[in-house]
């Protein structure tokens, strides 16, 4: 993990350039951020453009550093083209889920590549469920599939309780995107990682069951 390929460099550069433009140009930021009212007025481009804007440099750095760590796993086990498809598809699906959950909140807004990055993380977990992850506040390695399941369960909790100023729904939608698109592009995983595919599907199923029961 952590090798900077050309395609990863281009995506990081695009995020940095567009985000810094937004930092210094309020009207630009407002025009291209995710905003329910704007999207409902027909500005669907916000579903894409908002994924390249960030609130501040720390938000940008955290997303891009995480991408830098996980992108090589996806590129190595699949291809650069698959990586781009998963990244962009997860970005869009993250915002679709966010729009679904906030469709009645006209002023709801969000920015960030988190949905796209979560898609890459979950693609990497599907491809390498045996890899260990290290978190800043936990000094022991965590199996990737445990992290994946645990994070999605926490995200459901965050969505239900509106924890922090975080787009939990976009994170979850991005994870679903990474999960589904990876399986479409790499169907051989059903032969090699079927148990992990089933385990990672459980929080996704739980989300839609809770939504169906009006618990979210």
N, C-alpha and C. Protein backbone atom coordinates (compact mmCIF):
# COMPACT_ATOMS: atom_id res chain seq x y z
N UNK A 1 0.84 -1.20 0.00
CA UNK A 1 0.00 0.00 0.00
C UNK A 1 0.87 1.25 0.00
N UNK A 2 0.38 2.32 -0.63
CA UNK A 2 1.06 3.59 -0.55
C UNK A 2 1.95 3.95 -1.71
N UNK A 3 1.86 3.24 -2.84
CA UNK A 3 2.63 3.60 -4.02
C UNK A 3 1.79 4.54 -4.89
N UNK A 4 2.38 5.68 -5.26
CA UNK A 4 1.61 6.71 -5.97
C UNK A 4 1.67 6.46 -7.47
N UNK A 5 0.58 5.95 -8.04
CA UNK A 5 0.49 5.74 -9.48
C UNK A 5 0.06 7.04 -10.15
N UNK A 6 0.17 7.09 -11.47
CA UNK A 6 -0.19 8.29 -12.21
C UNK A 6 -1.67 8.62 -12.03
N UNK A 7 -2.54 7.61 -12.10
CA UNK A 7 -3.97 7.86 -12.00
C UNK A 7 -4.33 8.38 -10.61
N UNK A 8 -3.68 7.85 -9.57
CA UNK A 8 -3.92 8.35 -8.21
C UNK A 8 -3.44 9.78 -8.08
N UNK A 9 -2.28 10.07 -8.66
CA UNK A 9 -1.73 11.42 -8.62
C UNK A 9 -2.66 12.41 -9.30
N UNK A 10 -3.25 12.04 -10.43
CA UNK A 10 -4.16 12.92 -11.15
C UNK A 10 -5.40 13.22 -10.31
N UNK A 11 -5.95 12.19 -9.66
CA UNK A 11 -7.14 12.39 -8.83
C UNK A 11 -6.82 13.27 -7.62
N UNK A 12 -5.68 13.03 -6.99
CA UNK A 12 -5.28 13.85 -5.85
C UNK A 12 -5.07 15.30 -6.29
N UNK A 13 -4.42 15.48 -7.43
CA UNK A 13 -4.18 16.84 -7.94
C UNK A 13 -5.50 17.54 -8.25
N UNK A 14 -6.45 16.82 -8.85
CA UNK A 14 -7.75 17.42 -9.17
C UNK A 14 -8.47 17.85 -7.90
N UNK A 15 -8.44 17.01 -6.89
CA UNK A 15 -9.06 17.36 -5.61
C UNK A 15 -8.39 18.58 -4.99
N UNK A 16 -7.06 18.62 -5.04
CA UNK A 16 -6.33 19.74 -4.44
C UNK A 16 -6.62 21.05 -5.17
N UNK A 17 -6.55 21.02 -6.50
CA UNK A 17 -6.75 22.24 -7.29
C UNK A 17 -8.16 22.80 -7.09
N UNK A 18 -9.17 21.92 -7.19
CA UNK A 18 -10.56 22.37 -7.07
C UNK A 18 -10.86 22.80 -5.64
N UNK A 19 -10.34 22.06 -4.67
CA UNK A 19 -10.58 22.42 -3.27
C UNK A 19 -9.97 23.77 -2.92
N UNK A 20 -8.72 24.02 -3.36
CA UNK A 20 -8.09 25.30 -3.05
C UNK A 20 -8.79 26.45 -3.76
N UNK A 21 -9.33 26.18 -4.94
CA UNK A 21 -10.15 27.19 -5.60
C UNK A 21 -11.36 27.52 -4.74
N UNK A 22 -11.98 26.49 -4.17
CA UNK A 22 -13.14 26.68 -3.30
C UNK A 22 -12.79 27.39 -2.00
N UNK A 23 -11.59 27.11 -1.45
CA UNK A 23 -11.16 27.78 -0.22
C UNK A 23 -11.10 29.30 -0.41
N UNK A 24 -10.73 29.71 -1.60
CA UNK A 24 -10.48 31.13 -1.86
C UNK A 24 -11.58 31.83 -2.66
N UNK A 25 -12.61 31.09 -3.02
CA UNK A 25 -13.68 31.67 -3.85
C UNK A 25 -15.02 31.15 -3.34
N UNK A 26 -15.67 31.92 -2.49
CA UNK A 26 -16.92 31.51 -1.84
C UNK A 26 -18.01 31.19 -2.87
N UNK A 27 -18.13 32.01 -3.90
CA UNK A 27 -19.18 31.80 -4.90
C UNK A 27 -18.95 30.50 -5.67
N UNK A 28 -17.69 30.18 -5.93
CA UNK A 28 -17.34 28.91 -6.60
C UNK A 28 -17.74 27.74 -5.71
N UNK A 29 -17.39 27.83 -4.44
CA UNK A 29 -17.72 26.78 -3.48
C UNK A 29 -19.23 26.56 -3.40
N UNK A 30 -19.98 27.65 -3.30
CA UNK A 30 -21.43 27.57 -3.18
C UNK A 30 -22.08 27.01 -4.44
N UNK A 31 -21.50 27.33 -5.59
CA UNK A 31 -22.07 26.88 -6.86
C UNK A 31 -21.92 25.39 -7.07
N UNK A 32 -20.80 24.81 -6.59
CA UNK A 32 -20.50 23.43 -6.93
C UNK A 32 -20.63 22.44 -5.77
N UNK A 33 -20.99 22.90 -4.58
CA UNK A 33 -21.15 21.97 -3.46
C UNK A 33 -22.44 21.15 -3.64
N UNK A 34 -22.53 20.05 -2.91
CA UNK A 34 -23.76 19.27 -2.87
C UNK A 34 -24.80 20.07 -2.09
N UNK A 35 -25.92 20.35 -2.70
CA UNK A 35 -26.99 21.08 -2.06
C UNK A 35 -28.32 20.54 -2.58
N UNK A 36 -29.15 20.07 -1.67
CA UNK A 36 -30.40 19.43 -2.06
C UNK A 36 -31.27 20.37 -2.89
N UNK A 37 -31.43 21.62 -2.45
CA UNK A 37 -32.24 22.57 -3.18
C UNK A 37 -31.72 22.80 -4.59
N UNK A 38 -30.40 22.96 -4.72
CA UNK A 38 -29.81 23.18 -6.03
C UNK A 38 -30.01 22.00 -6.95
N UNK A 39 -29.84 20.79 -6.42
CA UNK A 39 -30.03 19.58 -7.23
C UNK A 39 -31.48 19.45 -7.66
N UNK A 40 -32.40 19.76 -6.76
CA UNK A 40 -33.82 19.68 -7.11
C UNK A 40 -34.24 20.75 -8.12
N UNK A 41 -33.45 21.81 -8.22
CA UNK A 41 -33.70 22.83 -9.24
C UNK A 41 -33.13 22.42 -10.60
N UNK A 42 -32.44 21.30 -10.66
CA UNK A 42 -31.90 20.82 -11.92
C UNK A 42 -30.40 20.88 -12.04
N UNK A 43 -29.71 21.25 -10.96
CA UNK A 43 -28.25 21.37 -11.00
C UNK A 43 -27.60 20.04 -10.60
N UNK A 44 -27.83 19.03 -11.45
CA UNK A 44 -27.32 17.70 -11.13
C UNK A 44 -25.79 17.62 -11.13
N UNK A 45 -25.12 18.58 -11.75
CA UNK A 45 -23.66 18.58 -11.76
C UNK A 45 -23.09 18.61 -10.35
N UNK A 46 -23.86 19.10 -9.39
CA UNK A 46 -23.42 19.15 -8.00
C UNK A 46 -23.17 17.74 -7.44
N UNK A 47 -23.86 16.75 -7.99
CA UNK A 47 -23.69 15.36 -7.54
C UNK A 47 -22.27 14.88 -7.81
N UNK A 48 -21.63 15.47 -8.80
CA UNK A 48 -20.26 15.11 -9.17
C UNK A 48 -19.25 16.12 -8.64
N UNK A 49 -19.50 17.39 -8.86
CA UNK A 49 -18.52 18.43 -8.52
C UNK A 49 -18.25 18.51 -7.02
N UNK A 50 -19.25 18.24 -6.20
CA UNK A 50 -19.07 18.34 -4.74
C UNK A 50 -18.04 17.36 -4.21
N UNK A 51 -17.80 16.28 -4.96
CA UNK A 51 -16.82 15.28 -4.53
C UNK A 51 -15.39 15.74 -4.68
N UNK A 52 -15.16 16.91 -5.28
CA UNK A 52 -13.80 17.43 -5.44
C UNK A 52 -13.58 18.70 -4.61
N UNK A 53 -14.58 19.06 -3.83
CA UNK A 53 -14.47 20.20 -2.91
C UNK A 53 -14.29 19.69 -1.49
N UNK A 54 -13.58 20.48 -0.65
CA UNK A 54 -13.41 20.12 0.75
C UNK A 54 -13.59 21.35 1.62
N UNK A 55 -13.88 21.10 2.89
CA UNK A 55 -14.14 22.20 3.82
C UNK A 55 -12.87 22.97 4.14
N UNK A 56 -11.77 22.23 4.36
CA UNK A 56 -10.50 22.87 4.72
C UNK A 56 -9.36 21.93 4.36
N UNK A 57 -8.13 22.37 4.64
CA UNK A 57 -6.95 21.59 4.24
C UNK A 57 -6.86 20.26 4.99
N UNK A 58 -7.30 20.22 6.25
CA UNK A 58 -7.25 18.97 7.00
C UNK A 58 -8.21 17.94 6.40
N UNK A 59 -9.41 18.39 6.04
CA UNK A 59 -10.39 17.52 5.39
C UNK A 59 -9.82 16.97 4.08
N UNK A 60 -9.21 17.84 3.30
CA UNK A 60 -8.59 17.44 2.04
C UNK A 60 -7.45 16.46 2.27
N UNK A 61 -6.56 16.78 3.22
CA UNK A 61 -5.41 15.92 3.47
C UNK A 61 -5.83 14.53 3.93
N UNK A 62 -6.78 14.45 4.84
CA UNK A 62 -7.19 13.15 5.37
C UNK A 62 -7.76 12.27 4.27
N UNK A 63 -8.62 12.84 3.42
CA UNK A 63 -9.19 12.05 2.33
C UNK A 63 -8.13 11.60 1.33
N UNK A 64 -7.23 12.51 0.96
CA UNK A 64 -6.22 12.17 -0.04
C UNK A 64 -5.16 11.22 0.50
N UNK A 65 -4.82 11.36 1.77
CA UNK A 65 -3.86 10.43 2.37
C UNK A 65 -4.46 9.03 2.43
N UNK A 66 -5.74 8.93 2.80
CA UNK A 66 -6.41 7.64 2.83
C UNK A 66 -6.47 7.02 1.44
N UNK A 67 -6.76 7.84 0.44
CA UNK A 67 -6.77 7.36 -0.94
C UNK A 67 -5.39 6.84 -1.34
N UNK A 68 -4.36 7.58 -0.99
CA UNK A 68 -2.98 7.19 -1.29
C UNK A 68 -2.64 5.82 -0.70
N UNK A 69 -3.18 5.53 0.48
CA UNK A 69 -2.90 4.26 1.15
C UNK A 69 -3.60 3.09 0.46
N UNK A 70 -4.86 3.27 0.08
CA UNK A 70 -5.66 2.14 -0.41
C UNK A 70 -5.70 1.99 -1.93
N UNK A 71 -5.45 3.06 -2.66
CA UNK A 71 -5.53 2.98 -4.12
C UNK A 71 -4.65 1.89 -4.72
N UNK A 72 -3.40 1.72 -4.26
CA UNK A 72 -2.54 0.69 -4.88
C UNK A 72 -3.10 -0.72 -4.81
N UNK A 73 -3.86 -1.03 -3.76
CA UNK A 73 -4.43 -2.38 -3.64
C UNK A 73 -5.40 -2.63 -4.79
N UNK A 74 -6.26 -1.64 -5.07
CA UNK A 74 -7.25 -1.79 -6.13
C UNK A 74 -6.58 -1.83 -7.50
N UNK A 75 -5.63 -0.94 -7.72
CA UNK A 75 -4.95 -0.88 -9.02
C UNK A 75 -4.15 -2.16 -9.27
N UNK A 76 -3.48 -2.66 -8.24
CA UNK A 76 -2.65 -3.85 -8.39
C UNK A 76 -3.49 -5.10 -8.67
N UNK A 77 -4.62 -5.24 -7.99
CA UNK A 77 -5.43 -6.45 -8.13
C UNK A 77 -6.44 -6.36 -9.26
N UNK A 78 -6.71 -5.14 -9.74
CA UNK A 78 -7.64 -4.98 -10.85
C UNK A 78 -6.94 -4.22 -11.99
N UNK A 79 -7.18 -2.91 -12.09
CA UNK A 79 -6.51 -2.10 -13.10
C UNK A 79 -6.77 -0.63 -12.79
N UNK A 80 -6.04 0.23 -13.48
CA UNK A 80 -6.23 1.67 -13.29
C UNK A 80 -7.63 2.09 -13.75
N UNK A 81 -8.09 1.48 -14.84
CA UNK A 81 -9.43 1.81 -15.36
C UNK A 81 -10.49 1.40 -14.35
N UNK A 82 -10.36 0.20 -13.77
CA UNK A 82 -11.31 -0.25 -12.76
C UNK A 82 -11.30 0.68 -11.55
N UNK A 83 -10.11 1.11 -11.17
CA UNK A 83 -9.96 2.04 -10.05
C UNK A 83 -10.76 3.32 -10.31
N UNK A 84 -10.63 3.88 -11.50
CA UNK A 84 -11.35 5.12 -11.84
C UNK A 84 -12.86 4.88 -11.81
N UNK A 85 -13.31 3.75 -12.36
CA UNK A 85 -14.74 3.43 -12.37
C UNK A 85 -15.27 3.32 -10.95
N UNK A 86 -14.53 2.63 -10.09
CA UNK A 86 -14.96 2.46 -8.70
C UNK A 86 -14.97 3.81 -7.98
N UNK A 87 -13.94 4.60 -8.19
CA UNK A 87 -13.83 5.91 -7.51
C UNK A 87 -15.00 6.81 -7.90
N UNK A 88 -15.21 6.99 -9.19
CA UNK A 88 -16.27 7.89 -9.65
C UNK A 88 -17.66 7.32 -9.37
N UNK A 89 -17.81 6.02 -9.54
CA UNK A 89 -19.10 5.39 -9.26
C UNK A 89 -19.47 5.51 -7.79
N UNK A 90 -18.49 5.34 -6.91
CA UNK A 90 -18.74 5.47 -5.47
C UNK A 90 -19.05 6.90 -5.08
N UNK A 91 -18.39 7.84 -5.74
CA UNK A 91 -18.68 9.26 -5.50
C UNK A 91 -20.15 9.55 -5.80
N UNK A 92 -20.61 9.10 -6.97
CA UNK A 92 -21.99 9.36 -7.38
C UNK A 92 -22.98 8.61 -6.49
N UNK A 93 -22.72 7.34 -6.20
CA UNK A 93 -23.64 6.57 -5.37
C UNK A 93 -23.71 7.10 -3.95
N UNK A 94 -22.58 7.61 -3.45
CA UNK A 94 -22.59 8.23 -2.13
C UNK A 94 -23.51 9.43 -2.10
N UNK A 95 -23.46 10.25 -3.13
CA UNK A 95 -24.33 11.42 -3.19
C UNK A 95 -25.78 11.05 -3.48
N UNK A 96 -25.99 9.97 -4.22
CA UNK A 96 -27.37 9.51 -4.46
C UNK A 96 -28.01 9.08 -3.14
N UNK A 97 -27.27 8.34 -2.32
CA UNK A 97 -27.82 7.91 -1.04
C UNK A 97 -28.05 9.12 -0.13
N UNK A 98 -27.13 10.07 -0.17
CA UNK A 98 -27.29 11.28 0.63
C UNK A 98 -28.53 12.05 0.20
N UNK A 99 -28.75 12.15 -1.10
CA UNK A 99 -29.95 12.83 -1.61
C UNK A 99 -31.21 12.08 -1.19
N UNK A 100 -31.15 10.76 -1.22
CA UNK A 100 -32.29 9.94 -0.83
C UNK A 100 -32.69 10.19 0.63
N UNK A 101 -31.70 10.28 1.51
CA UNK A 101 -31.98 10.46 2.93
C UNK A 101 -32.32 11.91 3.28
N UNK A 102 -31.89 12.86 2.46
CA UNK A 102 -32.09 14.28 2.80
C UNK A 102 -32.98 15.01 1.79
N UNK A 103 -33.75 14.26 1.01
CA UNK A 103 -34.51 14.88 -0.08
C UNK A 103 -35.52 15.93 0.40
N UNK A 104 -35.92 15.85 1.65
CA UNK A 104 -36.87 16.83 2.19
C UNK A 104 -36.19 17.96 2.96
N UNK A 105 -34.85 17.98 2.94
CA UNK A 105 -34.10 19.03 3.63
C UNK A 105 -33.50 19.95 2.56
N UNK A 106 -34.25 20.94 2.17
CA UNK A 106 -33.91 21.80 1.03
C UNK A 106 -32.54 22.44 1.16
N UNK A 107 -32.13 22.79 2.38
CA UNK A 107 -30.88 23.52 2.57
C UNK A 107 -29.70 22.61 2.92
N UNK A 108 -29.92 21.29 2.93
CA UNK A 108 -28.83 20.38 3.29
C UNK A 108 -27.70 20.47 2.27
N UNK A 109 -26.47 20.63 2.77
CA UNK A 109 -25.30 20.75 1.90
C UNK A 109 -24.17 19.85 2.40
N UNK A 110 -23.27 19.49 1.50
CA UNK A 110 -22.12 18.67 1.87
C UNK A 110 -21.06 18.78 0.79
N UNK A 111 -19.83 18.50 1.17
CA UNK A 111 -18.72 18.43 0.20
C UNK A 111 -17.76 17.34 0.64
N UNK A 112 -16.88 16.94 -0.27
CA UNK A 112 -15.82 16.02 0.09
C UNK A 112 -15.77 14.77 -0.75
N UNK A 113 -14.58 14.19 -0.81
CA UNK A 113 -14.35 12.97 -1.56
C UNK A 113 -14.55 11.72 -0.73
N UNK A 114 -15.11 11.87 0.47
CA UNK A 114 -15.21 10.75 1.40
C UNK A 114 -15.97 9.56 0.82
N UNK A 115 -17.07 9.82 0.10
CA UNK A 115 -17.82 8.72 -0.49
C UNK A 115 -16.99 7.94 -1.49
N UNK A 116 -16.27 8.65 -2.35
CA UNK A 116 -15.40 8.01 -3.34
C UNK A 116 -14.28 7.23 -2.66
N UNK A 117 -13.68 7.83 -1.63
CA UNK A 117 -12.58 7.18 -0.92
C UNK A 117 -13.09 5.95 -0.18
N UNK A 118 -14.29 6.04 0.42
CA UNK A 118 -14.84 4.87 1.08
C UNK A 118 -15.06 3.74 0.09
N UNK A 119 -15.46 4.08 -1.13
CA UNK A 119 -15.63 3.06 -2.16
C UNK A 119 -14.32 2.34 -2.45
N UNK A 120 -13.24 3.09 -2.51
CA UNK A 120 -11.92 2.48 -2.75
C UNK A 120 -11.50 1.63 -1.56
N UNK A 121 -11.78 2.10 -0.33
CA UNK A 121 -11.45 1.31 0.86
C UNK A 121 -12.18 -0.03 0.82
N UNK A 122 -13.46 -0.01 0.51
CA UNK A 122 -14.23 -1.26 0.51
C UNK A 122 -13.88 -2.16 -0.67
N UNK A 123 -13.48 -1.58 -1.77
CA UNK A 123 -12.96 -2.39 -2.87
C UNK A 123 -11.68 -3.11 -2.42
N UNK A 124 -10.81 -2.38 -1.73
CA UNK A 124 -9.55 -2.96 -1.24
C UNK A 124 -9.82 -4.07 -0.22
N UNK A 125 -10.83 -3.85 0.64
CA UNK A 125 -11.17 -4.88 1.64
C UNK A 125 -11.69 -6.14 0.96
N UNK A 126 -12.51 -5.98 -0.08
CA UNK A 126 -13.00 -7.15 -0.82
C UNK A 126 -11.85 -7.91 -1.48
N UNK A 127 -10.91 -7.15 -2.01
CA UNK A 127 -9.79 -7.75 -2.73
C UNK A 127 -8.76 -8.36 -1.78
N UNK A 128 -8.59 -7.73 -0.62
CA UNK A 128 -7.61 -8.21 0.36
C UNK A 128 -8.21 -8.21 1.77
N UNK A 129 -9.19 -9.06 2.02
CA UNK A 129 -9.81 -9.08 3.36
C UNK A 129 -8.85 -9.52 4.45
N UNK A 130 -7.74 -10.14 4.06
CA UNK A 130 -6.76 -10.63 5.02
C UNK A 130 -5.76 -9.56 5.47
N UNK A 131 -5.75 -8.40 4.82
CA UNK A 131 -4.78 -7.38 5.20
C UNK A 131 -5.14 -6.78 6.55
N UNK A 132 -4.13 -6.29 7.27
CA UNK A 132 -4.33 -5.66 8.56
C UNK A 132 -4.31 -4.15 8.41
N UNK A 133 -5.20 -3.48 9.14
CA UNK A 133 -5.26 -2.03 9.13
C UNK A 133 -4.86 -1.51 10.51
N UNK A 134 -4.20 -0.38 10.51
CA UNK A 134 -3.79 0.26 11.76
C UNK A 134 -4.47 1.62 11.86
N UNK A 135 -5.18 1.85 12.96
CA UNK A 135 -5.83 3.12 13.21
C UNK A 135 -5.01 3.91 14.21
N UNK A 136 -5.08 5.24 14.08
CA UNK A 136 -4.24 6.11 14.91
C UNK A 136 -4.44 5.87 16.40
N UNK A 137 -5.68 5.58 16.81
CA UNK A 137 -5.97 5.48 18.24
C UNK A 137 -6.02 4.05 18.75
N UNK A 138 -5.73 3.06 17.89
CA UNK A 138 -5.70 1.66 18.30
C UNK A 138 -4.34 1.07 17.91
N UNK A 139 -3.52 0.69 18.89
CA UNK A 139 -2.13 0.29 18.60
C UNK A 139 -1.96 -1.13 18.09
N UNK A 140 -3.06 -1.84 17.84
CA UNK A 140 -2.96 -3.22 17.36
C UNK A 140 -3.59 -3.32 15.97
N UNK A 141 -3.11 -4.26 15.15
CA UNK A 141 -3.67 -4.41 13.79
C UNK A 141 -5.11 -4.93 13.85
N UNK A 142 -5.94 -4.42 12.92
CA UNK A 142 -7.33 -4.84 12.82
C UNK A 142 -7.54 -5.50 11.47
N UNK A 143 -8.06 -6.73 11.43
CA UNK A 143 -8.34 -7.36 10.13
C UNK A 143 -9.26 -6.47 9.29
N UNK A 144 -8.98 -6.37 8.01
CA UNK A 144 -9.70 -5.44 7.15
C UNK A 144 -11.20 -5.69 7.16
N UNK A 145 -11.62 -6.95 7.17
CA UNK A 145 -13.06 -7.22 7.11
C UNK A 145 -13.75 -6.81 8.41
N UNK A 146 -13.05 -6.92 9.55
CA UNK A 146 -13.61 -6.47 10.83
C UNK A 146 -13.80 -4.96 10.81
N UNK A 147 -12.80 -4.25 10.29
CA UNK A 147 -12.91 -2.81 10.16
C UNK A 147 -14.10 -2.43 9.28
N UNK A 148 -14.24 -3.14 8.14
CA UNK A 148 -15.31 -2.84 7.20
C UNK A 148 -16.68 -2.99 7.81
N UNK A 149 -16.92 -4.09 8.49
CA UNK A 149 -18.21 -4.33 9.12
C UNK A 149 -18.44 -3.32 10.25
N UNK A 150 -17.42 -3.13 11.08
CA UNK A 150 -17.54 -2.22 12.21
C UNK A 150 -17.80 -0.79 11.78
N UNK A 151 -17.12 -0.36 10.73
CA UNK A 151 -17.29 1.02 10.29
C UNK A 151 -18.70 1.25 9.74
N UNK A 152 -19.21 0.30 9.00
CA UNK A 152 -20.56 0.46 8.46
C UNK A 152 -21.61 0.47 9.58
N UNK A 153 -21.40 -0.35 10.61
CA UNK A 153 -22.33 -0.33 11.74
C UNK A 153 -22.26 1.01 12.46
N UNK A 154 -21.04 1.54 12.62
CA UNK A 154 -20.91 2.87 13.23
C UNK A 154 -21.57 3.93 12.37
N UNK A 155 -21.45 3.80 11.05
CA UNK A 155 -22.05 4.77 10.15
C UNK A 155 -23.58 4.76 10.26
N UNK A 156 -24.16 3.57 10.40
CA UNK A 156 -25.61 3.49 10.62
C UNK A 156 -25.97 4.23 11.91
N UNK A 157 -25.19 4.02 12.96
CA UNK A 157 -25.41 4.72 14.23
C UNK A 157 -25.30 6.23 14.02
N UNK A 158 -24.28 6.66 13.26
CA UNK A 158 -24.09 8.08 13.00
C UNK A 158 -25.24 8.68 12.21
N UNK A 159 -25.77 7.93 11.26
CA UNK A 159 -26.91 8.40 10.47
C UNK A 159 -28.15 8.54 11.34
N UNK A 160 -28.37 7.57 12.20
CA UNK A 160 -29.56 7.56 13.04
C UNK A 160 -29.54 8.70 14.07
N UNK A 161 -28.35 8.97 14.60
CA UNK A 161 -28.23 9.94 15.69
C UNK A 161 -27.61 11.27 15.28
N UNK A 162 -27.37 11.44 13.97
CA UNK A 162 -26.80 12.69 13.45
C UNK A 162 -25.52 13.05 14.21
N UNK A 163 -24.60 12.09 14.30
CA UNK A 163 -23.37 12.28 15.06
C UNK A 163 -22.39 13.15 14.28
N UNK A 164 -22.00 14.28 14.83
CA UNK A 164 -21.00 15.14 14.24
C UNK A 164 -21.45 15.79 12.94
N UNK A 165 -20.61 16.65 12.42
CA UNK A 165 -20.89 17.33 11.15
C UNK A 165 -20.29 16.50 10.01
N UNK A 166 -20.79 15.28 9.89
CA UNK A 166 -20.22 14.29 8.98
C UNK A 166 -21.32 13.74 8.08
N UNK A 167 -21.02 13.59 6.79
CA UNK A 167 -21.99 13.02 5.85
C UNK A 167 -21.97 11.51 5.90
N UNK A 168 -22.50 10.94 6.99
CA UNK A 168 -22.46 9.48 7.16
C UNK A 168 -23.15 8.75 6.01
N UNK A 169 -24.24 9.33 5.51
CA UNK A 169 -24.97 8.66 4.42
C UNK A 169 -24.14 8.59 3.16
N UNK A 170 -23.38 9.65 2.87
CA UNK A 170 -22.50 9.63 1.69
C UNK A 170 -21.39 8.60 1.87
N UNK A 171 -20.87 8.47 3.09
CA UNK A 171 -19.86 7.44 3.37
C UNK A 171 -20.43 6.06 3.10
N UNK A 172 -21.64 5.83 3.61
CA UNK A 172 -22.26 4.51 3.45
C UNK A 172 -22.55 4.25 1.97
N UNK A 173 -23.08 5.27 1.28
CA UNK A 173 -23.35 5.10 -0.15
C UNK A 173 -22.09 4.82 -0.94
N UNK A 174 -21.00 5.49 -0.58
CA UNK A 174 -19.73 5.22 -1.25
C UNK A 174 -19.25 3.80 -1.00
N UNK A 175 -19.41 3.33 0.24
CA UNK A 175 -19.02 1.95 0.56
C UNK A 175 -19.85 0.95 -0.24
N UNK A 176 -21.16 1.22 -0.36
CA UNK A 176 -22.02 0.35 -1.18
C UNK A 176 -21.53 0.36 -2.63
N UNK A 177 -21.18 1.56 -3.12
CA UNK A 177 -20.67 1.67 -4.48
C UNK A 177 -19.42 0.86 -4.69
N UNK A 178 -18.46 1.00 -3.77
CA UNK A 178 -17.22 0.23 -3.88
C UNK A 178 -17.47 -1.26 -3.82
N UNK A 179 -18.37 -1.67 -2.95
CA UNK A 179 -18.73 -3.09 -2.79
C UNK A 179 -19.36 -3.63 -4.07
N UNK A 180 -20.40 -2.94 -4.56
CA UNK A 180 -21.16 -3.45 -5.71
C UNK A 180 -20.37 -3.39 -7.01
N UNK A 181 -19.69 -2.27 -7.25
CA UNK A 181 -18.97 -2.11 -8.51
C UNK A 181 -17.78 -3.07 -8.58
N UNK A 182 -17.11 -3.26 -7.46
CA UNK A 182 -15.99 -4.22 -7.43
C UNK A 182 -16.46 -5.62 -7.77
N UNK A 183 -17.59 -6.02 -7.22
CA UNK A 183 -18.11 -7.36 -7.52
C UNK A 183 -18.55 -7.49 -8.97
N UNK A 184 -19.05 -6.40 -9.55
CA UNK A 184 -19.41 -6.43 -10.97
C UNK A 184 -18.18 -6.55 -11.85
N UNK A 185 -17.12 -5.86 -11.48
CA UNK A 185 -15.90 -5.86 -12.29
C UNK A 185 -15.00 -7.06 -12.01
N UNK A 186 -15.15 -7.65 -10.84
CA UNK A 186 -14.28 -8.79 -10.46
C UNK A 186 -15.15 -9.94 -9.93
N UNK A 187 -15.99 -10.53 -10.79
CA UNK A 187 -16.88 -11.61 -10.33
C UNK A 187 -16.16 -12.83 -9.80
N UNK A 188 -14.87 -12.97 -10.10
CA UNK A 188 -14.10 -14.08 -9.57
C UNK A 188 -14.02 -14.07 -8.04
N UNK A 189 -14.32 -12.92 -7.43
CA UNK A 189 -14.30 -12.84 -5.98
C UNK A 189 -15.36 -13.74 -5.34
N UNK A 190 -16.43 -14.03 -6.10
CA UNK A 190 -17.46 -14.92 -5.56
C UNK A 190 -16.93 -16.33 -5.35
N UNK A 191 -15.86 -16.67 -6.04
CA UNK A 191 -15.24 -17.99 -5.88
C UNK A 191 -14.20 -17.99 -4.78
N UNK A 192 -13.50 -16.87 -4.62
CA UNK A 192 -12.38 -16.83 -3.68
C UNK A 192 -12.73 -16.22 -2.32
N UNK A 193 -13.69 -15.28 -2.29
CA UNK A 193 -13.97 -14.55 -1.04
C UNK A 193 -15.46 -14.52 -0.72
N UNK A 194 -16.17 -15.60 -1.00
CA UNK A 194 -17.62 -15.60 -0.86
C UNK A 194 -18.07 -15.32 0.58
N UNK A 195 -17.38 -15.89 1.56
CA UNK A 195 -17.76 -15.67 2.96
C UNK A 195 -17.62 -14.19 3.32
N UNK A 196 -16.53 -13.56 2.90
CA UNK A 196 -16.30 -12.15 3.19
C UNK A 196 -17.34 -11.27 2.48
N UNK A 197 -17.69 -11.66 1.28
CA UNK A 197 -18.73 -10.91 0.55
C UNK A 197 -20.03 -10.93 1.36
N UNK A 198 -20.38 -12.10 1.89
CA UNK A 198 -21.58 -12.22 2.69
C UNK A 198 -21.51 -11.41 3.98
N UNK A 199 -20.38 -11.45 4.66
CA UNK A 199 -20.23 -10.71 5.92
C UNK A 199 -20.32 -9.21 5.68
N UNK A 200 -19.67 -8.71 4.63
CA UNK A 200 -19.70 -7.28 4.35
C UNK A 200 -21.07 -6.81 3.87
N UNK A 201 -21.89 -7.76 3.39
CA UNK A 201 -23.24 -7.40 2.94
C UNK A 201 -24.19 -7.18 4.11
N UNK A 202 -23.89 -7.75 5.27
CA UNK A 202 -24.82 -7.70 6.40
C UNK A 202 -25.16 -6.28 6.85
N UNK A 203 -24.17 -5.38 7.04
CA UNK A 203 -24.54 -4.00 7.42
C UNK A 203 -25.34 -3.28 6.34
N UNK A 204 -25.08 -3.59 5.07
CA UNK A 204 -25.83 -2.97 3.98
C UNK A 204 -27.29 -3.40 4.03
N UNK A 205 -27.51 -4.69 4.25
CA UNK A 205 -28.88 -5.21 4.38
C UNK A 205 -29.56 -4.56 5.59
N UNK A 206 -28.82 -4.46 6.70
CA UNK A 206 -29.37 -3.86 7.92
C UNK A 206 -29.82 -2.42 7.68
N UNK A 207 -29.02 -1.65 6.93
CA UNK A 207 -29.37 -0.26 6.65
C UNK A 207 -30.74 -0.17 5.99
N UNK A 208 -30.96 -0.97 4.95
CA UNK A 208 -32.22 -0.87 4.21
C UNK A 208 -33.39 -1.46 4.98
N UNK A 209 -33.13 -2.45 5.85
CA UNK A 209 -34.18 -2.96 6.72
C UNK A 209 -34.62 -1.88 7.71
N UNK A 210 -33.65 -1.18 8.29
CA UNK A 210 -33.98 -0.10 9.24
C UNK A 210 -34.71 1.03 8.54
N UNK A 211 -34.30 1.35 7.31
CA UNK A 211 -34.99 2.40 6.56
C UNK A 211 -36.41 1.97 6.24
N UNK A 212 -36.59 0.72 5.86
CA UNK A 212 -37.93 0.21 5.56
C UNK A 212 -38.84 0.26 6.79
N UNK A 213 -38.23 0.08 7.97
CA UNK A 213 -38.98 0.09 9.22
C UNK A 213 -39.10 1.51 9.80
N UNK A 214 -38.61 2.51 9.06
CA UNK A 214 -38.63 3.91 9.50
C UNK A 214 -37.85 4.12 10.78
N UNK A 215 -36.74 3.37 10.92
CA UNK A 215 -35.87 3.52 12.08
C UNK A 215 -34.71 4.48 11.80
N UNK A 216 -34.62 4.96 10.55
CA UNK A 216 -33.57 5.91 10.18
C UNK A 216 -34.21 7.19 9.67
